[in-house]
Amino acid sequence: MIEAPINIGHGYGFEHRRYVKAAQQVDMPDQKTFREYMNTQTNHFKLESESGNKSHKDEKVGVDGTEDIEKDMKKFLEDKNNKNKK
């Protein structure tokens, strides 16, 4: 059971700093597009206690390992671009 207060946390290896690095690597055009992309990533977020989330105990250290995120972001941007062309 998750104790209140509850935060929205992330899965291991899907820390915000990795998404920011990946967005920089793929030249994400703006904050709005970044938010749109992040809203598609619901499977990488989870509910957790505030104390557990703030402790960062289940985080992957560093910013390496963004290749899969970058690949997914590129696909998102391509799909978005193709949709806008129609």
PDB file of N, CA and C in Angstrom:
ATOM      1  N   MET A   1       0.845  -1.172   0.000  1.00  0.00           N
ATOM      2  CA  MET A   1       0.000   0.000   0.000  1.00  0.00           C
ATOM      3  C   MET A   1       0.896   1.242   0.000  1.00  0.00           C
ATOM      4  N   ILE A   2       0.529   2.203  -0.813  1.00  0.00           N
ATOM      5  CA  ILE A   2       1.275   3.458  -0.900  1.00  0.00           C
ATOM      6  C   ILE A   2       0.719   4.417   0.139  1.00  0.00           C
ATOM      7  N   GLU A   3       1.610   4.962   0.953  1.00  0.00           N
ATOM      8  CA  GLU A   3       1.183   5.894   1.994  1.00  0.00           C
ATOM      9  C   GLU A   3       1.111   7.315   1.451  1.00  0.00           C
ATOM     10  N   ALA A   4       0.079   8.038   1.872  1.00  0.00           N
ATOM     11  CA  ALA A   4      -0.080   9.445   1.478  1.00  0.00           C
ATOM     12  C   ALA A   4       0.991  10.273   2.178  1.00  0.00           C
ATOM     13  N   PRO A   5       1.409  11.375   1.625  1.00  0.00           N
ATOM     14  CA  PRO A   5       0.989  11.905   0.325  1.00  0.00           C
ATOM     15  C   PRO A   5       1.604  11.106  -0.824  1.00  0.00           C
ATOM     16  N   ILE A   6       0.869  11.062  -1.934  1.00  0.00           N
ATOM     17  CA  ILE A   6       1.266  10.271  -3.095  1.00  0.00           C
ATOM     18  C   ILE A   6       1.820  11.178  -4.191  1.00  0.00           C
ATOM     19  N   ASN A   7       2.894  10.726  -4.825  1.00  0.00           N
ATOM     20  CA  ASN A   7       3.512  11.425  -5.967  1.00  0.00           C
ATOM     21  C   ASN A   7       3.415  10.545  -7.207  1.00  0.00           C
ATOM     22  N   ILE A   8       3.540  11.165  -8.360  1.00  0.00           N
ATOM     23  CA  ILE A   8       3.713  10.409  -9.592  1.00  0.00           C
ATOM     24  C   ILE A   8       5.212  10.302  -9.814  1.00  0.00           C
ATOM     25  N   GLY A   9       5.707   9.084  -9.746  1.00  0.00           N
ATOM     26  CA  GLY A   9       7.126   8.836  -9.946  1.00  0.00           C
ATOM     27  C   GLY A   9       7.367   8.217 -11.314  1.00  0.00           C
ATOM     28  N   HIS A  10       8.531   7.655 -11.530  1.00  0.00           N
ATOM     29  CA  HIS A  10       8.899   7.091 -12.826  1.00  0.00           C
ATOM     30  C   HIS A  10       9.555   5.742 -12.628  1.00  0.00           C
ATOM     31  N   GLY A  11       9.554   4.969 -13.681  1.00  0.00           N
ATOM     32  CA  GLY A  11      10.237   3.695 -13.657  1.00  0.00           C
ATOM     33  C   GLY A  11      11.748   3.871 -13.722  1.00  0.00           C
ATOM     34  N   TYR A  12      12.455   2.852 -13.305  1.00  0.00           N
ATOM     35  CA  TYR A  12      13.920   2.856 -13.309  1.00  0.00           C
ATOM     36  C   TYR A  12      14.434   3.096 -14.725  1.00  0.00           C
ATOM     37  N   GLY A  13      15.318   4.079 -14.859  1.00  0.00           N
ATOM     38  CA  GLY A  13      15.896   4.401 -16.159  1.00  0.00           C
ATOM     39  C   GLY A  13      15.093   5.398 -16.964  1.00  0.00           C
ATOM     40  N   PHE A  14      13.966   5.837 -16.412  1.00  0.00           N
ATOM     41  CA  PHE A  14      13.117   6.805 -17.116  1.00  0.00           C
ATOM     42  C   PHE A  14      12.998   8.105 -16.324  1.00  0.00           C
ATOM     43  N   GLU A  15      14.088   8.506 -15.717  1.00  0.00           N
ATOM     44  CA  GLU A  15      14.133   9.743 -14.942  1.00  0.00           C
ATOM     45  C   GLU A  15      14.018  10.950 -15.875  1.00  0.00           C
ATOM     46  N   HIS A  16      13.471  12.031 -15.355  1.00  0.00           N
ATOM     47  CA  HIS A  16      13.245  13.243 -16.154  1.00  0.00           C
ATOM     48  C   HIS A  16      14.526  13.716 -16.836  1.00  0.00           C
ATOM     49  N   ARG A  17      15.643  13.634 -16.132  1.00  0.00           N
ATOM     50  CA  ARG A  17      16.901  14.119 -16.724  1.00  0.00           C
ATOM     51  C   ARG A  17      17.269  13.335 -17.979  1.00  0.00           C
ATOM     52  N   ARG A  18      16.869  12.078 -18.062  1.00  0.00           N
ATOM     53  CA  ARG A  18      17.132  11.289 -19.268  1.00  0.00           C
ATOM     54  C   ARG A  18      16.244  11.761 -20.418  1.00  0.00           C
ATOM     55  N   TYR A  19      14.994  12.067 -20.113  1.00  0.00           N
ATOM     56  CA  TYR A  19      14.104  12.599 -21.153  1.00  0.00           C
ATOM     57  C   TYR A  19      14.611  13.943 -21.662  1.00  0.00           C
ATOM     58  N   VAL A  20      15.096  14.790 -20.764  1.00  0.00           N
ATOM     59  CA  VAL A  20      15.626  16.100 -21.172  1.00  0.00           C
ATOM     60  C   VAL A  20      16.845  15.909 -22.076  1.00  0.00           C
ATOM     61  N   LYS A  21      17.753  15.022 -21.683  1.00  0.00           N
ATOM     62  CA  LYS A  21      18.943  14.770 -22.501  1.00  0.00           C
ATOM     63  C   LYS A  21      18.545  14.228 -23.874  1.00  0.00           C
ATOM     64  N   ALA A  22      17.620  13.279 -23.887  1.00  0.00           N
ATOM     65  CA  ALA A  22      17.181  12.701 -25.158  1.00  0.00           C
ATOM     66  C   ALA A  22      16.533  13.763 -26.041  1.00  0.00           C
ATOM     67  N   ALA A  23      15.727  14.636 -25.450  1.00  0.00           N
ATOM     68  CA  ALA A  23      15.077  15.707 -26.215  1.00  0.00           C
ATOM     69  C   ALA A  23      16.119  16.624 -26.844  1.00  0.00           C
ATOM     70  N   GLN A  24      17.175  16.899 -26.124  1.00  0.00           N
ATOM     71  CA  GLN A  24      18.257  17.724 -26.673  1.00  0.00           C
ATOM     72  C   GLN A  24      18.957  16.998 -27.820  1.00  0.00           C
ATOM     73  N   GLN A  25      19.154  15.705 -27.672  1.00  0.00           N
ATOM     74  CA  GLN A  25      19.846  14.918 -28.695  1.00  0.00           C
ATOM     75  C   GLN A  25      19.062  14.836 -30.003  1.00  0.00           C
ATOM     76  N   VAL A  26      17.726  14.808 -29.906  1.00  0.00           N
ATOM     77  CA  VAL A  26      16.900  14.679 -31.117  1.00  0.00           C
ATOM     78  C   VAL A  26      16.363  16.029 -31.587  1.00  0.00           C
ATOM     79  N   ASP A  27      16.844  17.111 -30.975  1.00  0.00           N
ATOM     80  CA  ASP A  27      16.390  18.465 -31.335  1.00  0.00           C
ATOM     81  C   ASP A  27      14.877  18.626 -31.220  1.00  0.00           C
ATOM     82  N   MET A  28      14.342  18.224 -30.074  1.00  0.00           N
ATOM     83  CA  MET A  28      12.915  18.439 -29.806  1.00  0.00           C
ATOM     84  C   MET A  28      12.649  19.929 -29.983  1.00  0.00           C
ATOM     85  N   PRO A  29      11.662  20.295 -30.813  1.00  0.00           N
ATOM     86  CA  PRO A  29      11.525  21.700 -31.202  1.00  0.00           C
ATOM     87  C   PRO A  29      11.134  22.678 -30.100  1.00  0.00           C
ATOM     88  N   ASP A  30      10.323  22.243 -29.135  1.00  0.00           N
ATOM     89  CA  ASP A  30       9.878  23.192 -28.114  1.00  0.00           C
ATOM     90  C   ASP A  30       9.286  22.455 -26.915  1.00  0.00           C
ATOM     91  N   GLN A  31       8.989  23.225 -25.876  1.00  0.00           N
ATOM     92  CA  GLN A  31       8.449  22.658 -24.635  1.00  0.00           C
ATOM     93  C   GLN A  31       7.077  22.030 -24.856  1.00  0.00           C
ATOM     94  N   LYS A  32       6.267  22.635 -25.704  1.00  0.00           N
ATOM     95  CA  LYS A  32       4.926  22.099 -25.981  1.00  0.00           C
ATOM     96  C   LYS A  32       5.030  20.693 -26.572  1.00  0.00           C
ATOM     97  N   THR A  33       5.914  20.511 -27.525  1.00  0.00           N
ATOM     98  CA  THR A  33       6.101  19.196 -28.143  1.00  0.00           C
ATOM     99  C   THR A  33       6.658  18.205 -27.127  1.00  0.00           C
ATOM    100  N   PHE A  34       7.571  18.664 -26.278  1.00  0.00           N
ATOM    101  CA  PHE A  34       8.112  17.807 -25.222  1.00  0.00           C
ATOM    102  C   PHE A  34       6.988  17.336 -24.296  1.00  0.00           C
ATOM    103  N   ARG A  35       6.105  18.251 -23.896  1.00  0.00           N
ATOM    104  CA  ARG A  35       4.973  17.875 -23.031  1.00  0.00           C
ATOM    105  C   ARG A  35       4.054  16.887 -23.737  1.00  0.00           C
ATOM    106  N   GLU A  36       3.776  17.132 -25.013  1.00  0.00           N
ATOM    107  CA  GLU A  36       2.934  16.204 -25.776  1.00  0.00           C
ATOM    108  C   GLU A  36       3.554  14.812 -25.776  1.00  0.00           C
ATOM    109  N   TYR A  37       4.852  14.761 -26.004  1.00  0.00           N
ATOM    110  CA  TYR A  37       5.544  13.472 -25.993  1.00  0.00           C
ATOM    111  C   TYR A  37       5.443  12.824 -24.610  1.00  0.00           C
ATOM    112  N   MET A  38       5.742  13.582 -23.572  1.00  0.00           N
ATOM    113  CA  MET A  38       5.712  13.027 -22.214  1.00  0.00           C
ATOM    114  C   MET A  38       4.332  12.485 -21.860  1.00  0.00           C
ATOM    115  N   ASN A  39       3.288  13.117 -22.363  1.00  0.00           N
ATOM    116  CA  ASN A  39       1.930  12.643 -22.089  1.00  0.00           C
ATOM    117  C   ASN A  39       1.633  11.307 -22.758  1.00  0.00           C
ATOM    118  N   THR A  40       2.481  10.868 -23.679  1.00  0.00           N
ATOM    119  CA  THR A  40       2.306   9.552 -24.299  1.00  0.00           C
ATOM    120  C   THR A  40       3.046   8.459 -23.528  1.00  0.00           C
ATOM    121  N   GLN A  41       3.790   8.822 -22.519  1.00  0.00           N
ATOM    122  CA  GLN A  41       4.674   7.887 -21.820  1.00  0.00           C
ATOM    123  C   GLN A  41       4.094   7.364 -20.511  1.00  0.00           C
ATOM    124  N   THR A  42       2.793   7.190 -20.457  1.00  0.00           N
ATOM    125  CA  THR A  42       2.132   6.811 -19.201  1.00  0.00           C
ATOM    126  C   THR A  42       2.626   5.481 -18.635  1.00  0.00           C
ATOM    127  N   ASN A  43       3.127   4.600 -19.482  1.00  0.00           N
ATOM    128  CA  ASN A  43       3.603   3.310 -18.981  1.00  0.00           C
ATOM    129  C   ASN A  43       4.927   3.417 -18.225  1.00  0.00           C
ATOM    130  N   HIS A  44       5.568   4.584 -18.255  1.00  0.00           N
ATOM    131  CA  HIS A  44       6.841   4.762 -17.549  1.00  0.00           C
ATOM    132  C   HIS A  44       6.684   5.504 -16.224  1.00  0.00           C
ATOM    133  N   PHE A  45       5.438   5.764 -15.837  1.00  0.00           N
ATOM    134  CA  PHE A  45       5.188   6.472 -14.585  1.00  0.00           C
ATOM    135  C   PHE A  45       4.408   5.582 -13.637  1.00  0.00           C
ATOM    136  N   LYS A  46       4.541   5.870 -12.358  1.00  0.00           N
ATOM    137  CA  LYS A  46       3.865   5.057 -11.346  1.00  0.00           C
ATOM    138  C   LYS A  46       3.567   5.918 -10.129  1.00  0.00           C
ATOM    139  N   LEU A  47       2.590   5.489  -9.362  1.00  0.00           N
ATOM    140  CA  LEU A  47       2.293   6.156  -8.097  1.00  0.00           C
ATOM    141  C   LEU A  47       3.270   5.645  -7.050  1.00  0.00           C
ATOM    142  N   GLU A  48       3.767   6.554  -6.246  1.00  0.00           N
ATOM    143  CA  GLU A  48       4.643   6.164  -5.149  1.00  0.00           C
ATOM    144  C   GLU A  48       4.505   7.163  -4.011  1.00  0.00           C
ATOM    145  N   SER A  49       4.935   6.754  -2.843  1.00  0.00           N
ATOM    146  CA  SER A  49       4.864   7.657  -1.697  1.00  0.00           C
ATOM    147  C   SER A  49       5.779   8.849  -1.937  1.00  0.00           C
ATOM    148  N   GLU A  50       5.400   9.977  -1.380  1.00  0.00           N
ATOM    149  CA  GLU A  50       6.223  11.175  -1.528  1.00  0.00           C
ATOM    150  C   GLU A  50       7.628  10.946  -0.979  1.00  0.00           C
ATOM    151  N   SER A  51       7.707  10.283   0.182  1.00  0.00           N
ATOM    152  CA  SER A  51       9.033  10.066   0.779  1.00  0.00           C
ATOM    153  C   SER A  51       9.888   9.156  -0.094  1.00  0.00           C
ATOM    154  N   GLY A  52       9.289   8.129  -0.673  1.00  0.00           N
ATOM    155  CA  GLY A  52      10.036   7.237  -1.559  1.00  0.00           C
ATOM    156  C   GLY A  52      10.497   7.945  -2.823  1.00  0.00           C
ATOM    157  N   ASN A  53       9.619   8.774  -3.378  1.00  0.00           N
ATOM    158  CA  ASN A  53       9.954   9.512  -4.594  1.00  0.00           C
ATOM    159  C   ASN A  53      11.072  10.516  -4.334  1.00  0.00           C
ATOM    160  N   LYS A  54      10.965  11.243  -3.249  1.00  0.00           N
ATOM    161  CA  LYS A  54      11.969  12.268  -2.943  1.00  0.00           C
ATOM    162  C   LYS A  54      13.311  11.678  -2.529  1.00  0.00           C
ATOM    163  N   SER A  55      13.308  10.427  -2.084  1.00  0.00           N
ATOM    164  CA  SER A  55      14.568   9.799  -1.664  1.00  0.00           C
ATOM    165  C   SER A  55      15.445   9.419  -2.862  1.00  0.00           C
ATOM    166  N   HIS A  56      14.843   9.291  -4.031  1.00  0.00           N
ATOM    167  CA  HIS A  56      15.559   8.910  -5.259  1.00  0.00           C
ATOM    168  C   HIS A  56      16.221   7.536  -5.143  1.00  0.00           C
ATOM    169  N   LYS A  57      15.765   6.726  -4.197  1.00  0.00           N
ATOM    170  CA  LYS A  57      16.421   5.440  -3.935  1.00  0.00           C
ATOM    171  C   LYS A  57      16.301   4.446  -5.091  1.00  0.00           C
ATOM    172  N   ASP A  58      15.257   4.542  -5.889  1.00  0.00           N
ATOM    173  CA  ASP A  58      15.067   3.588  -6.983  1.00  0.00           C
ATOM    174  C   ASP A  58      15.454   4.170  -8.344  1.00  0.00           C
ATOM    175  N   GLU A  59      16.293   5.208  -8.355  1.00  0.00           N
ATOM    176  CA  GLU A  59      16.680   5.843  -9.610  1.00  0.00           C
ATOM    177  C   GLU A  59      17.975   5.272 -10.159  1.00  0.00           C
ATOM    178  N   LYS A  60      18.060   5.264 -11.463  1.00  0.00           N
ATOM    179  CA  LYS A  60      19.305   4.908 -12.140  1.00  0.00           C
ATOM    180  C   LYS A  60      20.199   6.138 -12.108  1.00  0.00           C
ATOM    181  N   VAL A  61      21.403   5.979 -11.645  1.00  0.00           N
ATOM    182  CA  VAL A  61      22.339   7.090 -11.503  1.00  0.00           C
ATOM    183  C   VAL A  61      22.809   7.553 -12.881  1.00  0.00           C
ATOM    184  N   GLY A  62      23.044   8.848 -13.018  1.00  0.00           N
ATOM    185  CA  GLY A  62      23.607   9.404 -14.245  1.00  0.00           C
ATOM    186  C   GLY A  62      22.571   9.730 -15.302  1.00  0.00           C
ATOM    187  N   VAL A  63      23.069   9.965 -16.522  1.00  0.00           N
ATOM    188  CA  VAL A  63      22.175  10.300 -17.638  1.00  0.00           C
ATOM    189  C   VAL A  63      22.439   9.413 -18.857  1.00  0.00           C
ATOM    190  N   ASP A  64      23.196   8.343 -18.675  1.00  0.00           N
ATOM    191  CA  ASP A  64      23.457   7.442 -19.795  1.00  0.00           C
ATOM    192  C   ASP A  64      22.224   6.583 -20.073  1.00  0.00           C
ATOM    193  N   GLY A  65      22.257   5.895 -21.184  1.00  0.00           N
ATOM    194  CA  GLY A  65      21.165   4.982 -21.498  1.00  0.00           C
ATOM    195  C   GLY A  65      19.932   5.656 -22.060  1.00  0.00           C
ATOM    196  N   THR A  66      20.119   6.697 -22.860  1.00  0.00           N
ATOM    197  CA  THR A  66      18.964   7.400 -23.432  1.00  0.00           C
ATOM    198  C   THR A  66      18.639   6.933 -24.851  1.00  0.00           C
ATOM    199  N   GLU A  67      19.350   5.952 -25.362  1.00  0.00           N
ATOM    200  CA  GLU A  67      19.186   5.542 -26.755  1.00  0.00           C
ATOM    201  C   GLU A  67      17.754   5.127 -27.079  1.00  0.00           C
ATOM    202  N   ASP A  68      17.138   4.321 -26.222  1.00  0.00           N
ATOM    203  CA  ASP A  68      15.764   3.878 -26.478  1.00  0.00           C
ATOM    204  C   ASP A  68      14.783   5.045 -26.410  1.00  0.00           C
ATOM    205  N   ILE A  69      15.011   5.959 -25.481  1.00  0.00           N
ATOM    206  CA  ILE A  69      14.152   7.142 -25.377  1.00  0.00           C
ATOM    207  C   ILE A  69      14.312   7.992 -26.634  1.00  0.00           C
ATOM    208  N   GLU A  70      15.547   8.177 -27.079  1.00  0.00           N
ATOM    209  CA  GLU A  70      15.796   8.966 -28.292  1.00  0.00           C
ATOM    210  C   GLU A  70      15.102   8.336 -29.500  1.00  0.00           C
ATOM    211  N   LYS A  71      15.201   7.025 -29.625  1.00  0.00           N
ATOM    212  CA  LYS A  71      14.556   6.320 -30.739  1.00  0.00           C
ATOM    213  C   LYS A  71      13.045   6.535 -30.698  1.00  0.00           C
ATOM    214  N   ASP A  72      12.472   6.432 -29.516  1.00  0.00           N
ATOM    215  CA  ASP A  72      11.034   6.623 -29.356  1.00  0.00           C
ATOM    216  C   ASP A  72      10.635   8.072 -29.654  1.00  0.00           C
ATOM    217  N   MET A  73      11.443   9.015 -29.213  1.00  0.00           N
ATOM    218  CA  MET A  73      11.168  10.431 -29.497  1.00  0.00           C
ATOM    219  C   MET A  73      11.222  10.712 -30.997  1.00  0.00           C
ATOM    220  N   LYS A  74      12.204  10.134 -31.683  1.00  0.00           N
ATOM    221  CA  LYS A  74      12.307  10.333 -33.132  1.00  0.00           C
ATOM    222  C   LYS A  74      11.066   9.805 -33.836  1.00  0.00           C
ATOM    223  N   LYS A  75      10.591   8.640 -33.412  1.00  0.00           N
ATOM    224  CA  LYS A  75       9.374   8.072 -33.998  1.00  0.00           C
ATOM    225  C   LYS A  75       8.186   8.984 -33.726  1.00  0.00           C
ATOM    226  N   PHE A  76       8.077   9.483 -32.502  1.00  0.00           N
ATOM    227  CA  PHE A  76       6.999  10.403 -32.150  1.00  0.00           C
ATOM    228  C   PHE A  76       7.034  11.636 -33.047  1.00  0.00           C
ATOM    229  N   LEU A  77       8.215  12.223 -33.217  1.00  0.00           N
ATOM    230  CA  LEU A  77       8.346  13.429 -34.040  1.00  0.00           C
ATOM    231  C   LEU A  77       8.027  13.145 -35.508  1.00  0.00           C
ATOM    232  N   GLU A  78       8.463  11.996 -36.016  1.00  0.00           N
ATOM    233  CA  GLU A  78       8.148  11.621 -37.398  1.00  0.00           C
ATOM    234  C   GLU A  78       6.647  11.442 -37.581  1.00  0.00           C
ATOM    235  N   ASP A  79       6.015  10.725 -36.641  1.00  0.00           N
ATOM    236  CA  ASP A  79       4.566  10.512 -36.712  1.00  0.00           C
ATOM    237  C   ASP A  79       3.816  11.834 -36.643  1.00  0.00           C
ATOM    238  N   LYS A  80       4.252  12.713 -35.765  1.00  0.00           N
ATOM    239  CA  LYS A  80       3.618  14.026 -35.615  1.00  0.00           C
ATOM    240  C   LYS A  80       3.782  14.835 -36.902  1.00  0.00           C
ATOM    241  N   ASN A  81       4.963  14.798 -37.482  1.00  0.00           N
ATOM    242  CA  ASN A  81       5.232  15.525 -38.723  1.00  0.00           C
ATOM    243  C   ASN A  81       4.378  14.977 -39.872  1.00  0.00           C
ATOM    244  N   ASN A  82       4.293  13.649 -39.974  1.00  0.00           N
ATOM    245  CA  ASN A  82       3.480  13.033 -41.025  1.00  0.00           C
ATOM    246  C   ASN A  82       2.003  13.360 -40.854  1.00  0.00           C
ATOM    247  N   LYS A  83       1.549  13.379 -39.613  1.00  0.00           N
ATOM    248  CA  LYS A  83       0.145  13.711 -39.329  1.00  0.00           C
ATOM    249  C   LYS A  83      -0.152  15.156 -39.732  1.00  0.00           C
ATOM    250  N   ASN A  84       0.780  16.053 -39.483  1.00  0.00           N
ATOM    251  CA  ASN A  84       0.586  17.465 -39.814  1.00  0.00           C
ATOM    252  C   ASN A  84       0.608  17.714 -41.319  1.00  0.00           C
ATOM    253  N   LYS A  85       1.230  16.811 -42.085  1.00  0.00           N
ATOM    254  CA  LYS A  85       1.290  16.969 -43.542  1.00  0.00           C
ATOM    255  C   LYS A  85      -0.017  16.583 -44.219  1.00  0.00           C
ATOM    256  N   LYS A  86      -0.833  15.794 -43.532  1.00  0.00           N
ATOM    257  CA  LYS A  86      -2.096  15.313 -44.127  1.00  0.00           C
ATOM    258  C   LYS A  86      -3.163  16.372 -44.114  1.00  0.00           C
TER     259      LYS A  86
END
